[in-house]
Amino acid sequence: MPITRYLQPSIPVNIQVRNAANKGKKGGKQKKMQLSDEEMSEVIDIERYKAELFEVQEKLKQNYIENLSLRSIAGNIDNLLVKIGDEEYPLHELAQISKKNPQLIAINMSDFPEGLKPAIQAIIDSGSGMNPQQDGTMIYITVPKLTREYRENLAKNAKSLCIKAKDDIRNIQNYFVKDAKRKTDLSEDLVFSASNQIMTLAEKGTAELEKIMKMKQKELLGDG
């Protein structure tokens, strides 16, 4: 998976040699060092960490394209992912979807009724602003008109999806920090610096999510 350039360390490595005798050293002030990817890889799987941060960004972009596109909000309902157990399935694989008119979508879940509630939840969580109504094994969705109020609601939904993505980054960061702190055979200074660098990369990833969100909100509101 390609890794975005912004996730690469921006400060040249100035620490290349560490005294092996410092391993396991207790007490004293810990030194914060800028580490190279090679040094970081002694503590965590740095490429995996960067890849997971990048994946969160790409997922947010994809969510915006599929669920918050002014031109095809209704058209994207077919490929909306529905979580059943530990797997995700496109809605069109679970139901018969028909468009009664430009403003009304009918979703027939009779062939897979156990997917009814997950499908409704997926529509609500998509951030598209569509309000599903259940009638037996049928789901009806009225597609809202593109009023200013609706655009503003979509912009709010863009923020909600961004907040979820930030939570994902925070969870990834916490996992890798804990992983680093389990490396008791390494020097405390190295683990301390690696933990700080993990958090710095997460902060940069969060800032990138904020940029993606603001661009989407600008598009939805028609500003500029």
N, C-alpha and C. Protein backbone atom coordinates (compact mmCIF):
# COMPACT_ATOMS: atom_id res chain seq x y z
N MET A 1 0.86 -1.19 0.00
CA MET A 1 0.00 0.00 0.00
C MET A 1 0.89 1.24 0.00
N PRO A 2 0.63 2.19 -0.92
CA PRO A 2 1.45 3.40 -0.95
C PRO A 2 1.26 4.22 0.30
N ILE A 3 2.29 4.88 0.73
CA ILE A 3 2.23 5.69 1.94
C ILE A 3 2.38 7.15 1.54
N THR A 4 1.53 8.01 2.04
CA THR A 4 1.60 9.42 1.69
C THR A 4 2.87 10.06 2.20
N ARG A 5 3.35 11.04 1.46
CA ARG A 5 4.62 11.66 1.78
C ARG A 5 4.61 12.35 3.12
N TYR A 6 3.43 12.90 3.52
CA TYR A 6 3.39 13.66 4.77
C TYR A 6 3.67 12.80 5.97
N LEU A 7 3.51 11.49 5.82
CA LEU A 7 3.75 10.62 6.97
C LEU A 7 5.23 10.30 7.17
N GLN A 8 6.08 10.70 6.21
CA GLN A 8 7.50 10.43 6.36
C GLN A 8 8.10 11.41 7.35
N PRO A 9 9.06 10.99 8.20
CA PRO A 9 9.71 11.90 9.13
C PRO A 9 10.33 13.07 8.38
N SER A 10 10.11 14.30 8.87
CA SER A 10 10.56 15.49 8.15
C SER A 10 11.87 16.04 8.67
N ILE A 11 12.36 15.55 9.81
CA ILE A 11 13.60 16.08 10.37
C ILE A 11 14.71 15.07 10.14
N PRO A 12 15.88 15.49 9.62
CA PRO A 12 16.97 14.55 9.35
C PRO A 12 17.38 13.82 10.61
N VAL A 13 17.77 12.59 10.44
CA VAL A 13 18.21 11.79 11.58
C VAL A 13 19.54 12.33 12.09
N ASN A 14 19.60 12.63 13.39
CA ASN A 14 20.85 13.12 13.97
C ASN A 14 21.36 12.20 15.06
N ILE A 15 20.64 11.10 15.23
CA ILE A 15 21.09 10.12 16.21
C ILE A 15 21.31 8.80 15.48
N GLN A 16 22.51 8.40 15.28
CA GLN A 16 22.80 7.17 14.57
C GLN A 16 23.42 6.11 15.47
N VAL A 17 24.03 6.54 16.55
CA VAL A 17 24.74 5.60 17.42
C VAL A 17 24.17 5.68 18.82
N ARG A 18 23.83 4.57 19.37
CA ARG A 18 23.35 4.52 20.74
C ARG A 18 24.23 3.58 21.52
N ASN A 19 24.46 3.90 22.75
CA ASN A 19 25.30 3.06 23.61
C ASN A 19 24.47 1.88 24.10
N ALA A 20 24.86 0.67 23.70
CA ALA A 20 24.12 -0.53 24.08
C ALA A 20 24.06 -0.70 25.58
N ALA A 21 25.01 -0.07 26.28
CA ALA A 21 25.04 -0.21 27.74
C ALA A 21 23.87 0.49 28.39
N ASN A 22 23.18 1.39 27.62
CA ASN A 22 22.06 2.13 28.20
C ASN A 22 20.81 1.29 28.28
N LYS A 23 20.79 0.11 27.62
CA LYS A 23 19.60 -0.71 27.64
C LYS A 23 19.24 -1.10 29.07
N GLY A 24 17.95 -0.87 29.37
CA GLY A 24 17.49 -1.24 30.70
C GLY A 24 17.87 -0.23 31.76
N LYS A 25 18.47 0.90 31.38
CA LYS A 25 18.88 1.91 32.35
C LYS A 25 17.67 2.55 33.00
N LYS A 26 17.69 2.69 34.30
CA LYS A 26 16.58 3.27 35.04
C LYS A 26 16.95 4.66 35.55
N GLY A 27 15.93 5.49 35.77
CA GLY A 27 16.15 6.81 36.36
C GLY A 27 16.73 7.80 35.37
N GLY A 28 16.83 9.07 35.83
CA GLY A 28 17.39 10.10 34.98
C GLY A 28 16.36 10.64 34.01
N LYS A 29 16.66 11.76 33.37
CA LYS A 29 15.75 12.39 32.43
C LYS A 29 15.83 11.69 31.09
N GLN A 30 14.67 11.31 30.54
CA GLN A 30 14.68 10.62 29.26
C GLN A 30 14.87 11.62 28.13
N LYS A 31 15.61 11.19 27.11
CA LYS A 31 15.92 12.06 25.99
C LYS A 31 14.98 11.79 24.83
N LYS A 32 14.41 12.87 24.30
CA LYS A 32 13.53 12.76 23.15
C LYS A 32 14.36 12.91 21.88
N MET A 33 14.39 11.86 21.05
CA MET A 33 15.21 11.87 19.85
C MET A 33 14.34 11.73 18.62
N GLN A 34 14.79 12.32 17.50
CA GLN A 34 14.14 12.08 16.22
C GLN A 34 14.72 10.80 15.65
N LEU A 35 13.88 9.83 15.36
CA LEU A 35 14.34 8.52 14.92
C LEU A 35 14.06 8.30 13.44
N SER A 36 14.94 7.56 12.81
CA SER A 36 14.71 7.17 11.42
C SER A 36 13.73 6.00 11.39
N ASP A 37 13.23 5.70 10.20
CA ASP A 37 12.34 4.54 10.08
C ASP A 37 13.05 3.26 10.52
N GLU A 38 14.34 3.18 10.21
CA GLU A 38 15.10 1.99 10.59
C GLU A 38 15.14 1.84 12.10
N GLU A 39 15.36 2.95 12.80
CA GLU A 39 15.39 2.91 14.26
C GLU A 39 14.00 2.63 14.83
N MET A 40 12.98 3.24 14.22
CA MET A 40 11.61 2.99 14.68
C MET A 40 11.23 1.52 14.53
N SER A 41 11.76 0.89 13.49
CA SER A 41 11.41 -0.51 13.24
C SER A 41 11.97 -1.45 14.29
N GLU A 42 12.92 -0.95 15.11
CA GLU A 42 13.41 -1.76 16.22
C GLU A 42 12.35 -1.85 17.34
N VAL A 43 11.43 -0.90 17.32
CA VAL A 43 10.44 -0.80 18.40
C VAL A 43 9.06 -1.27 17.94
N ILE A 44 8.63 -0.82 16.75
CA ILE A 44 7.32 -1.22 16.21
C ILE A 44 7.46 -1.53 14.72
N ASP A 45 6.41 -2.06 14.15
CA ASP A 45 6.34 -2.24 12.70
C ASP A 45 5.92 -0.90 12.11
N ILE A 46 6.89 -0.05 11.81
CA ILE A 46 6.62 1.32 11.40
C ILE A 46 5.86 1.40 10.07
N GLU A 47 6.18 0.51 9.14
CA GLU A 47 5.48 0.54 7.85
C GLU A 47 4.01 0.17 8.03
N ARG A 48 3.73 -0.78 8.89
CA ARG A 48 2.34 -1.14 9.17
C ARG A 48 1.61 0.03 9.83
N TYR A 49 2.28 0.71 10.74
CA TYR A 49 1.67 1.84 11.43
C TYR A 49 1.29 2.93 10.44
N LYS A 50 2.23 3.29 9.57
CA LYS A 50 1.95 4.33 8.56
C LYS A 50 0.84 3.89 7.63
N ALA A 51 0.86 2.61 7.26
CA ALA A 51 -0.16 2.11 6.35
C ALA A 51 -1.55 2.19 6.98
N GLU A 52 -1.65 1.89 8.27
CA GLU A 52 -2.95 1.95 8.94
C GLU A 52 -3.45 3.38 9.06
N LEU A 53 -2.56 4.32 9.31
CA LEU A 53 -2.95 5.73 9.35
C LEU A 53 -3.45 6.18 7.98
N PHE A 54 -2.72 5.77 6.95
CA PHE A 54 -3.09 6.13 5.58
C PHE A 54 -4.45 5.53 5.21
N GLU A 55 -4.69 4.31 5.66
CA GLU A 55 -5.94 3.63 5.35
C GLU A 55 -7.14 4.37 5.94
N VAL A 56 -6.97 4.96 7.13
CA VAL A 56 -8.06 5.73 7.74
C VAL A 56 -8.41 6.93 6.86
N GLN A 57 -7.40 7.60 6.34
CA GLN A 57 -7.64 8.75 5.45
C GLN A 57 -8.39 8.32 4.20
N GLU A 58 -7.93 7.23 3.60
CA GLU A 58 -8.55 6.76 2.36
C GLU A 58 -10.00 6.33 2.60
N LYS A 59 -10.25 5.73 3.75
CA LYS A 59 -11.61 5.30 4.08
C LYS A 59 -12.53 6.50 4.23
N LEU A 60 -12.02 7.57 4.86
CA LEU A 60 -12.83 8.78 5.01
C LEU A 60 -13.15 9.39 3.65
N LYS A 61 -12.15 9.46 2.78
CA LYS A 61 -12.37 9.98 1.43
C LYS A 61 -13.43 9.16 0.70
N GLN A 62 -13.33 7.84 0.82
CA GLN A 62 -14.28 6.95 0.15
C GLN A 62 -15.68 7.12 0.72
N ASN A 63 -15.78 7.27 2.04
CA ASN A 63 -17.09 7.51 2.66
C ASN A 63 -17.72 8.79 2.12
N TYR A 64 -16.90 9.82 1.97
CA TYR A 64 -17.40 11.09 1.45
C TYR A 64 -17.89 10.93 0.01
N ILE A 65 -17.13 10.20 -0.80
CA ILE A 65 -17.51 10.01 -2.21
C ILE A 65 -18.81 9.22 -2.31
N GLU A 66 -18.90 8.14 -1.53
CA GLU A 66 -20.04 7.24 -1.65
C GLU A 66 -21.31 7.75 -0.96
N ASN A 67 -21.13 8.48 0.14
CA ASN A 67 -22.30 8.84 0.95
C ASN A 67 -22.63 10.33 0.99
N LEU A 68 -21.69 11.18 0.60
CA LEU A 68 -21.93 12.62 0.68
C LEU A 68 -21.69 13.31 -0.65
N SER A 69 -22.03 12.64 -1.73
CA SER A 69 -21.90 13.24 -3.05
C SER A 69 -23.23 13.87 -3.45
N LEU A 70 -23.21 15.16 -3.73
CA LEU A 70 -24.45 15.86 -4.07
C LEU A 70 -25.08 15.31 -5.35
N ARG A 71 -24.25 14.83 -6.25
CA ARG A 71 -24.76 14.38 -7.55
C ARG A 71 -25.37 12.99 -7.51
N SER A 72 -24.92 12.14 -6.58
CA SER A 72 -25.37 10.74 -6.66
C SER A 72 -25.57 10.10 -5.29
N ILE A 73 -26.16 10.82 -4.37
CA ILE A 73 -26.43 10.26 -3.05
C ILE A 73 -27.32 9.02 -3.16
N ALA A 74 -28.40 9.13 -3.94
CA ALA A 74 -29.31 8.00 -4.10
C ALA A 74 -28.66 6.88 -4.89
N GLY A 75 -27.86 7.24 -5.89
CA GLY A 75 -27.23 6.23 -6.73
C GLY A 75 -26.24 5.36 -6.01
N ASN A 76 -25.69 5.86 -4.92
CA ASN A 76 -24.67 5.10 -4.19
C ASN A 76 -25.25 4.11 -3.19
N ILE A 77 -26.56 4.11 -3.03
CA ILE A 77 -27.18 3.23 -2.03
C ILE A 77 -26.92 1.75 -2.37
N ASP A 78 -26.81 1.43 -3.65
CA ASP A 78 -26.60 0.03 -4.06
C ASP A 78 -25.34 -0.56 -3.45
N ASN A 79 -24.29 0.24 -3.37
CA ASN A 79 -23.00 -0.26 -2.90
C ASN A 79 -22.72 0.06 -1.44
N LEU A 80 -23.73 0.54 -0.73
CA LEU A 80 -23.57 0.81 0.70
C LEU A 80 -23.19 -0.48 1.43
N LEU A 81 -22.13 -0.44 2.22
CA LEU A 81 -21.67 -1.64 2.92
C LEU A 81 -22.48 -1.88 4.19
N VAL A 82 -22.97 -3.09 4.33
CA VAL A 82 -23.77 -3.50 5.48
C VAL A 82 -22.98 -4.55 6.25
N LYS A 83 -22.81 -4.34 7.54
CA LYS A 83 -22.05 -5.28 8.36
C LYS A 83 -22.95 -6.38 8.91
N ILE A 84 -22.64 -7.61 8.52
CA ILE A 84 -23.34 -8.78 9.03
C ILE A 84 -22.31 -9.64 9.75
N GLY A 85 -22.40 -9.70 11.07
CA GLY A 85 -21.38 -10.42 11.84
C GLY A 85 -20.05 -9.70 11.70
N ASP A 86 -19.03 -10.41 11.25
CA ASP A 86 -17.70 -9.81 11.07
C ASP A 86 -17.43 -9.43 9.62
N GLU A 87 -18.41 -9.61 8.74
CA GLU A 87 -18.21 -9.33 7.32
C GLU A 87 -19.07 -8.15 6.87
N GLU A 88 -18.64 -7.52 5.77
CA GLU A 88 -19.41 -6.43 5.18
C GLU A 88 -19.82 -6.81 3.76
N TYR A 89 -21.08 -6.50 3.41
CA TYR A 89 -21.61 -6.84 2.10
C TYR A 89 -22.26 -5.61 1.48
N PRO A 90 -22.12 -5.42 0.16
CA PRO A 90 -22.84 -4.35 -0.51
C PRO A 90 -24.34 -4.60 -0.39
N LEU A 91 -25.10 -3.55 -0.20
CA LEU A 91 -26.54 -3.69 0.02
C LEU A 91 -27.22 -4.43 -1.12
N HIS A 92 -26.75 -4.22 -2.35
CA HIS A 92 -27.41 -4.86 -3.49
C HIS A 92 -27.28 -6.38 -3.48
N GLU A 93 -26.32 -6.92 -2.69
CA GLU A 93 -26.19 -8.37 -2.56
C GLU A 93 -27.18 -8.94 -1.54
N LEU A 94 -27.75 -8.09 -0.73
CA LEU A 94 -28.66 -8.54 0.34
C LEU A 94 -30.11 -8.23 0.04
N ALA A 95 -30.35 -7.32 -0.93
CA ALA A 95 -31.72 -6.85 -1.13
C ALA A 95 -32.00 -6.54 -2.60
N GLN A 96 -33.27 -6.41 -2.91
CA GLN A 96 -33.70 -5.93 -4.22
C GLN A 96 -34.00 -4.43 -4.09
N ILE A 97 -33.27 -3.63 -4.83
CA ILE A 97 -33.38 -2.17 -4.71
C ILE A 97 -34.03 -1.61 -5.97
N SER A 98 -35.05 -0.81 -5.78
CA SER A 98 -35.72 -0.17 -6.92
C SER A 98 -35.99 1.29 -6.61
N LYS A 99 -35.92 2.10 -7.64
CA LYS A 99 -36.20 3.54 -7.49
C LYS A 99 -37.59 3.80 -8.06
N LYS A 100 -38.54 4.05 -7.15
CA LYS A 100 -39.93 4.27 -7.55
C LYS A 100 -40.08 5.58 -8.32
N ASN A 101 -39.33 6.56 -7.90
CA ASN A 101 -39.26 7.85 -8.59
C ASN A 101 -37.98 8.53 -8.11
N PRO A 102 -37.60 9.70 -8.66
CA PRO A 102 -36.33 10.32 -8.27
C PRO A 102 -36.19 10.58 -6.77
N GLN A 103 -37.32 10.65 -6.05
CA GLN A 103 -37.26 10.96 -4.63
C GLN A 103 -37.55 9.76 -3.72
N LEU A 104 -37.86 8.60 -4.27
CA LEU A 104 -38.23 7.46 -3.42
C LEU A 104 -37.50 6.18 -3.85
N ILE A 105 -36.83 5.55 -2.87
CA ILE A 105 -36.12 4.30 -3.09
C ILE A 105 -36.77 3.21 -2.23
N ALA A 106 -37.03 2.06 -2.84
CA ALA A 106 -37.61 0.92 -2.12
C ALA A 106 -36.58 -0.19 -2.05
N ILE A 107 -36.37 -0.71 -0.83
CA ILE A 107 -35.39 -1.78 -0.61
C ILE A 107 -36.12 -2.99 -0.05
N ASN A 108 -36.15 -4.07 -0.83
CA ASN A 108 -36.86 -5.28 -0.44
C ASN A 108 -35.89 -6.27 0.20
N MET A 109 -36.04 -6.50 1.52
CA MET A 109 -35.14 -7.38 2.26
C MET A 109 -35.75 -8.76 2.52
N SER A 110 -36.79 -9.12 1.79
CA SER A 110 -37.50 -10.37 2.06
C SER A 110 -36.62 -11.61 1.85
N ASP A 111 -35.63 -11.54 0.97
CA ASP A 111 -34.74 -12.68 0.73
C ASP A 111 -33.69 -12.82 1.83
N PHE A 112 -33.50 -11.76 2.61
CA PHE A 112 -32.48 -11.79 3.67
C PHE A 112 -32.95 -10.94 4.84
N PRO A 113 -34.05 -11.35 5.48
CA PRO A 113 -34.66 -10.52 6.54
C PRO A 113 -33.75 -10.26 7.73
N GLU A 114 -32.78 -11.17 7.99
CA GLU A 114 -31.88 -10.95 9.11
C GLU A 114 -30.94 -9.76 8.88
N GLY A 115 -30.88 -9.31 7.63
CA GLY A 115 -30.05 -8.14 7.32
C GLY A 115 -30.80 -6.84 7.40
N LEU A 116 -32.07 -6.89 7.80
CA LEU A 116 -32.92 -5.70 7.81
C LEU A 116 -32.39 -4.62 8.75
N LYS A 117 -32.20 -4.98 10.02
CA LYS A 117 -31.72 -3.98 10.99
C LYS A 117 -30.31 -3.48 10.67
N PRO A 118 -29.36 -4.38 10.31
CA PRO A 118 -28.03 -3.88 9.92
C PRO A 118 -28.08 -2.95 8.72
N ALA A 119 -28.99 -3.22 7.77
CA ALA A 119 -29.10 -2.36 6.59
C ALA A 119 -29.60 -0.97 6.98
N ILE A 120 -30.62 -0.93 7.83
CA ILE A 120 -31.15 0.35 8.30
C ILE A 120 -30.07 1.14 9.03
N GLN A 121 -29.30 0.45 9.89
CA GLN A 121 -28.24 1.12 10.64
C GLN A 121 -27.15 1.64 9.71
N ALA A 122 -26.83 0.87 8.67
CA ALA A 122 -25.81 1.29 7.71
C ALA A 122 -26.24 2.56 6.98
N ILE A 123 -27.52 2.64 6.64
CA ILE A 123 -28.04 3.84 5.96
C ILE A 123 -27.95 5.05 6.89
N ILE A 124 -28.33 4.86 8.15
CA ILE A 124 -28.26 5.95 9.13
C ILE A 124 -26.82 6.40 9.35
N ASP A 125 -25.91 5.43 9.49
CA ASP A 125 -24.50 5.74 9.78
C ASP A 125 -23.75 6.29 8.57
N SER A 126 -24.33 6.18 7.38
CA SER A 126 -23.62 6.59 6.17
C SER A 126 -23.37 8.09 6.11
N GLY A 127 -24.15 8.87 6.87
CA GLY A 127 -23.99 10.32 6.85
C GLY A 127 -24.68 10.99 5.68
N SER A 128 -25.43 10.21 4.89
CA SER A 128 -26.07 10.76 3.69
C SER A 128 -27.29 11.63 4.01
N GLY A 129 -27.77 11.53 5.25
CA GLY A 129 -28.94 12.31 5.63
C GLY A 129 -30.24 11.68 5.23
N MET A 130 -30.20 10.48 4.64
CA MET A 130 -31.42 9.78 4.25
C MET A 130 -32.01 9.08 5.47
N ASN A 131 -33.33 9.19 5.63
CA ASN A 131 -34.01 8.64 6.80
C ASN A 131 -34.81 7.40 6.40
N PRO A 132 -34.28 6.19 6.69
CA PRO A 132 -34.97 4.97 6.28
C PRO A 132 -36.22 4.70 7.11
N GLN A 133 -37.29 4.25 6.45
CA GLN A 133 -38.53 3.89 7.12
C GLN A 133 -38.83 2.42 6.82
N GLN A 134 -39.08 1.64 7.88
CA GLN A 134 -39.33 0.21 7.72
C GLN A 134 -40.82 -0.10 7.65
N ASP A 135 -41.17 -1.01 6.74
CA ASP A 135 -42.53 -1.53 6.65
C ASP A 135 -42.41 -3.02 6.37
N GLY A 136 -42.49 -3.84 7.42
CA GLY A 136 -42.27 -5.27 7.26
C GLY A 136 -40.82 -5.54 6.87
N THR A 137 -40.63 -6.22 5.75
CA THR A 137 -39.27 -6.47 5.26
C THR A 137 -38.86 -5.45 4.19
N MET A 138 -39.64 -4.39 4.08
CA MET A 138 -39.32 -3.32 3.13
C MET A 138 -38.71 -2.12 3.86
N ILE A 139 -37.77 -1.46 3.19
CA ILE A 139 -37.21 -0.20 3.68
C ILE A 139 -37.47 0.85 2.61
N TYR A 140 -38.04 1.97 3.02
CA TYR A 140 -38.29 3.06 2.09
C TYR A 140 -37.43 4.26 2.47
N ILE A 141 -36.85 4.87 1.45
CA ILE A 141 -36.01 6.05 1.68
C ILE A 141 -36.49 7.18 0.79
N THR A 142 -36.81 8.29 1.41
CA THR A 142 -37.14 9.50 0.66
C THR A 142 -35.87 10.33 0.49
N VAL A 143 -35.50 10.57 -0.74
CA VAL A 143 -34.28 11.32 -1.03
C VAL A 143 -34.58 12.82 -0.88
N PRO A 144 -33.90 13.49 0.04
CA PRO A 144 -34.17 14.92 0.27
C PRO A 144 -33.76 15.77 -0.93
N LYS A 145 -34.47 16.88 -1.09
CA LYS A 145 -34.08 17.84 -2.11
C LYS A 145 -32.86 18.61 -1.64
N LEU A 146 -32.07 19.10 -2.61
CA LEU A 146 -30.81 19.77 -2.27
C LEU A 146 -31.04 21.22 -1.85
N THR A 147 -31.72 21.40 -0.73
CA THR A 147 -31.91 22.73 -0.17
C THR A 147 -30.65 23.15 0.59
N ARG A 148 -30.61 24.42 0.97
CA ARG A 148 -29.48 24.90 1.77
C ARG A 148 -29.42 24.18 3.10
N GLU A 149 -30.59 23.94 3.68
CA GLU A 149 -30.64 23.25 4.97
C GLU A 149 -30.07 21.83 4.84
N TYR A 150 -30.43 21.16 3.74
CA TYR A 150 -29.93 19.80 3.53
C TYR A 150 -28.41 19.81 3.34
N ARG A 151 -27.92 20.78 2.59
CA ARG A 151 -26.47 20.89 2.39
C ARG A 151 -25.76 21.09 3.74
N GLU A 152 -26.36 21.92 4.59
CA GLU A 152 -25.76 22.18 5.90
C GLU A 152 -25.76 20.92 6.76
N ASN A 153 -26.83 20.12 6.64
CA ASN A 153 -26.88 18.86 7.38
C ASN A 153 -25.81 17.89 6.89
N LEU A 154 -25.59 17.87 5.57
CA LEU A 154 -24.54 17.02 5.01
C LEU A 154 -23.16 17.47 5.51
N ALA A 155 -22.98 18.78 5.62
CA ALA A 155 -21.70 19.30 6.13
C ALA A 155 -21.48 18.85 7.57
N LYS A 156 -22.57 18.83 8.36
CA LYS A 156 -22.47 18.34 9.74
C LYS A 156 -22.14 16.85 9.76
N ASN A 157 -22.75 16.12 8.84
CA ASN A 157 -22.47 14.68 8.75
C ASN A 157 -21.02 14.42 8.35
N ALA A 158 -20.48 15.31 7.51
CA ALA A 158 -19.07 15.19 7.12
C ALA A 158 -18.18 15.31 8.36
N LYS A 159 -18.55 16.21 9.26
CA LYS A 159 -17.80 16.37 10.50
C LYS A 159 -17.92 15.12 11.38
N SER A 160 -19.13 14.55 11.45
CA SER A 160 -19.34 13.35 12.26
C SER A 160 -18.49 12.18 11.77
N LEU A 161 -18.43 12.01 10.44
CA LEU A 161 -17.61 10.94 9.87
C LEU A 161 -16.13 11.20 10.15
N CYS A 162 -15.74 12.47 10.13
CA CYS A 162 -14.35 12.82 10.42
C CYS A 162 -14.00 12.50 11.87
N ILE A 163 -14.93 12.78 12.78
CA ILE A 163 -14.70 12.49 14.20
C ILE A 163 -14.49 10.99 14.41
N LYS A 164 -15.29 10.18 13.72
CA LYS A 164 -15.12 8.72 13.81
C LYS A 164 -13.75 8.30 13.30
N ALA A 165 -13.31 8.94 12.21
CA ALA A 165 -11.99 8.62 11.65
C ALA A 165 -10.88 9.02 12.62
N LYS A 166 -11.06 10.15 13.31
CA LYS A 166 -10.08 10.57 14.31
C LYS A 166 -10.00 9.56 15.45
N ASP A 167 -11.16 9.02 15.83
CA ASP A 167 -11.18 7.99 16.86
C ASP A 167 -10.40 6.76 16.41
N ASP A 168 -10.53 6.42 15.13
CA ASP A 168 -9.79 5.28 14.58
C ASP A 168 -8.29 5.52 14.68
N ILE A 169 -7.86 6.74 14.35
CA ILE A 169 -6.44 7.07 14.43
C ILE A 169 -5.96 7.00 15.88
N ARG A 170 -6.78 7.50 16.79
CA ARG A 170 -6.41 7.46 18.21
C ARG A 170 -6.26 6.01 18.69
N ASN A 171 -7.14 5.15 18.25
CA ASN A 171 -7.06 3.75 18.65
C ASN A 171 -5.81 3.07 18.08
N ILE A 172 -5.49 3.40 16.84
CA ILE A 172 -4.28 2.85 16.22
C ILE A 172 -3.05 3.34 16.97
N GLN A 173 -3.02 4.65 17.27
CA GLN A 173 -1.90 5.23 18.01
C GLN A 173 -1.73 4.53 19.36
N ASN A 174 -2.82 4.37 20.09
CA ASN A 174 -2.73 3.76 21.42
C ASN A 174 -2.22 2.33 21.35
N TYR A 175 -2.64 1.60 20.33
CA TYR A 175 -2.19 0.21 20.17
C TYR A 175 -0.67 0.17 19.99
N PHE A 176 -0.15 1.04 19.12
CA PHE A 176 1.28 1.00 18.83
C PHE A 176 2.12 1.57 19.97
N VAL A 177 1.58 2.54 20.71
CA VAL A 177 2.30 3.04 21.89
C VAL A 177 2.43 1.93 22.93
N LYS A 178 1.33 1.20 23.14
CA LYS A 178 1.38 0.08 24.09
C LYS A 178 2.36 -0.98 23.63
N ASP A 179 2.37 -1.23 22.32
CA ASP A 179 3.29 -2.21 21.76
C ASP A 179 4.73 -1.77 22.00
N ALA A 180 5.01 -0.48 21.84
CA ALA A 180 6.37 0.03 22.06
C ALA A 180 6.78 -0.12 23.52
N LYS A 181 5.87 0.17 24.42
CA LYS A 181 6.21 0.15 25.84
C LYS A 181 6.39 -1.27 26.39
N ARG A 182 5.97 -2.25 25.58
CA ARG A 182 6.20 -3.64 25.99
C ARG A 182 7.63 -4.10 25.70
N LYS A 183 8.38 -3.30 24.95
CA LYS A 183 9.75 -3.69 24.56
C LYS A 183 10.73 -3.35 25.69
N THR A 184 10.68 -4.13 26.75
CA THR A 184 11.51 -3.86 27.93
C THR A 184 12.98 -4.19 27.71
N ASP A 185 13.30 -4.87 26.61
CA ASP A 185 14.70 -5.19 26.34
C ASP A 185 15.44 -4.06 25.64
N LEU A 186 14.71 -2.98 25.28
CA LEU A 186 15.31 -1.82 24.62
C LEU A 186 15.54 -0.70 25.63
N SER A 187 16.39 0.24 25.26
CA SER A 187 16.68 1.35 26.17
C SER A 187 15.42 2.20 26.37
N GLU A 188 15.29 2.76 27.54
CA GLU A 188 14.12 3.59 27.84
C GLU A 188 14.07 4.82 26.95
N ASP A 189 15.25 5.40 26.64
CA ASP A 189 15.28 6.57 25.78
C ASP A 189 14.73 6.24 24.39
N LEU A 190 15.09 5.06 23.86
CA LEU A 190 14.61 4.66 22.54
C LEU A 190 13.10 4.47 22.55
N VAL A 191 12.59 3.77 23.54
CA VAL A 191 11.14 3.53 23.63
C VAL A 191 10.40 4.84 23.83
N PHE A 192 10.96 5.72 24.67
CA PHE A 192 10.34 7.03 24.93
C PHE A 192 10.25 7.84 23.64
N SER A 193 11.35 7.88 22.88
CA SER A 193 11.37 8.65 21.64
C SER A 193 10.45 8.05 20.60
N ALA A 194 10.43 6.72 20.52
CA ALA A 194 9.55 6.05 19.57
C ALA A 194 8.08 6.33 19.90
N SER A 195 7.73 6.31 21.17
CA SER A 195 6.35 6.57 21.59
C SER A 195 5.94 7.99 21.21
N ASN A 196 6.85 8.94 21.42
CA ASN A 196 6.56 10.33 21.05
C ASN A 196 6.40 10.47 19.55
N GLN A 197 7.22 9.74 18.79
CA GLN A 197 7.13 9.83 17.33
C GLN A 197 5.84 9.19 16.82
N ILE A 198 5.40 8.13 17.47
CA ILE A 198 4.12 7.51 17.13
C ILE A 198 3.00 8.54 17.29
N MET A 199 3.01 9.28 18.39
CA MET A 199 1.97 10.28 18.64
C MET A 199 2.06 11.44 17.67
N THR A 200 3.29 11.82 17.30
CA THR A 200 3.47 12.92 16.34
C THR A 200 2.90 12.54 14.98
N LEU A 201 3.16 11.31 14.53
CA LEU A 201 2.61 10.85 13.25
C LEU A 201 1.08 10.80 13.30
N ALA A 202 0.55 10.41 14.44
CA ALA A 202 -0.91 10.37 14.59
C ALA A 202 -1.49 11.78 14.52
N GLU A 203 -0.81 12.75 15.13
CA GLU A 203 -1.26 14.14 15.08
C GLU A 203 -1.28 14.65 13.64
N LYS A 204 -0.26 14.29 12.87
CA LYS A 204 -0.21 14.70 11.47
C LYS A 204 -1.35 14.04 10.69
N GLY A 205 -1.62 12.78 11.00
CA GLY A 205 -2.72 12.08 10.35
C GLY A 205 -4.05 12.72 10.67
N THR A 206 -4.23 13.13 11.92
CA THR A 206 -5.47 13.79 12.35
C THR A 206 -5.62 15.14 11.65
N ALA A 207 -4.53 15.87 11.51
CA ALA A 207 -4.56 17.16 10.81
C ALA A 207 -4.96 16.97 9.35
N GLU A 208 -4.50 15.88 8.75
CA GLU A 208 -4.85 15.60 7.35
C GLU A 208 -6.35 15.28 7.24
N LEU A 209 -6.90 14.56 8.21
CA LEU A 209 -8.34 14.29 8.21
C LEU A 209 -9.13 15.59 8.27
N GLU A 210 -8.65 16.52 9.08
CA GLU A 210 -9.31 17.82 9.21
C GLU A 210 -9.31 18.56 7.87
N LYS A 211 -8.21 18.50 7.14
CA LYS A 211 -8.13 19.14 5.82
C LYS A 211 -9.12 18.50 4.85
N ILE A 212 -9.18 17.17 4.85
CA ILE A 212 -10.10 16.44 3.98
C ILE A 212 -11.54 16.85 4.28
N MET A 213 -11.87 16.95 5.59
CA MET A 213 -13.23 17.31 5.99
C MET A 213 -13.59 18.73 5.53
N LYS A 214 -12.68 19.66 5.73
CA LYS A 214 -12.97 21.05 5.37
C LYS A 214 -13.17 21.21 3.87
N MET A 215 -12.40 20.48 3.10
CA MET A 215 -12.57 20.52 1.64
C MET A 215 -13.94 19.98 1.25
N LYS A 216 -14.35 18.91 1.91
CA LYS A 216 -15.66 18.31 1.61
C LYS A 216 -16.79 19.25 2.01
N GLN A 217 -16.67 19.87 3.18
CA GLN A 217 -17.70 20.81 3.62
C GLN A 217 -17.82 21.99 2.66
N LYS A 218 -16.70 22.46 2.17
CA LYS A 218 -16.70 23.57 1.22
C LYS A 218 -17.46 23.17 -0.05
N GLU A 219 -17.21 21.93 -0.49
CA GLU A 219 -17.90 21.41 -1.69
C GLU A 219 -19.40 21.29 -1.44
N LEU A 220 -19.78 20.75 -0.29
CA LEU A 220 -21.20 20.53 0.01
C LEU A 220 -21.97 21.83 0.15
N LEU A 221 -21.31 22.82 0.75
CA LEU A 221 -22.01 24.10 0.98
C LEU A 221 -21.94 25.02 -0.22
N GLY A 222 -21.13 24.64 -1.22
CA GLY A 222 -21.01 25.47 -2.42
C GLY A 222 -20.26 26.74 -2.17
N ASP A 223 -19.41 26.77 -1.12
CA ASP A 223 -18.63 27.98 -0.81
C ASP A 223 -17.42 28.05 -1.72
N GLY A 224 -17.12 29.24 -2.14
CA GLY A 224 -15.92 29.43 -2.98
C GLY A 224 -16.14 28.86 -4.36
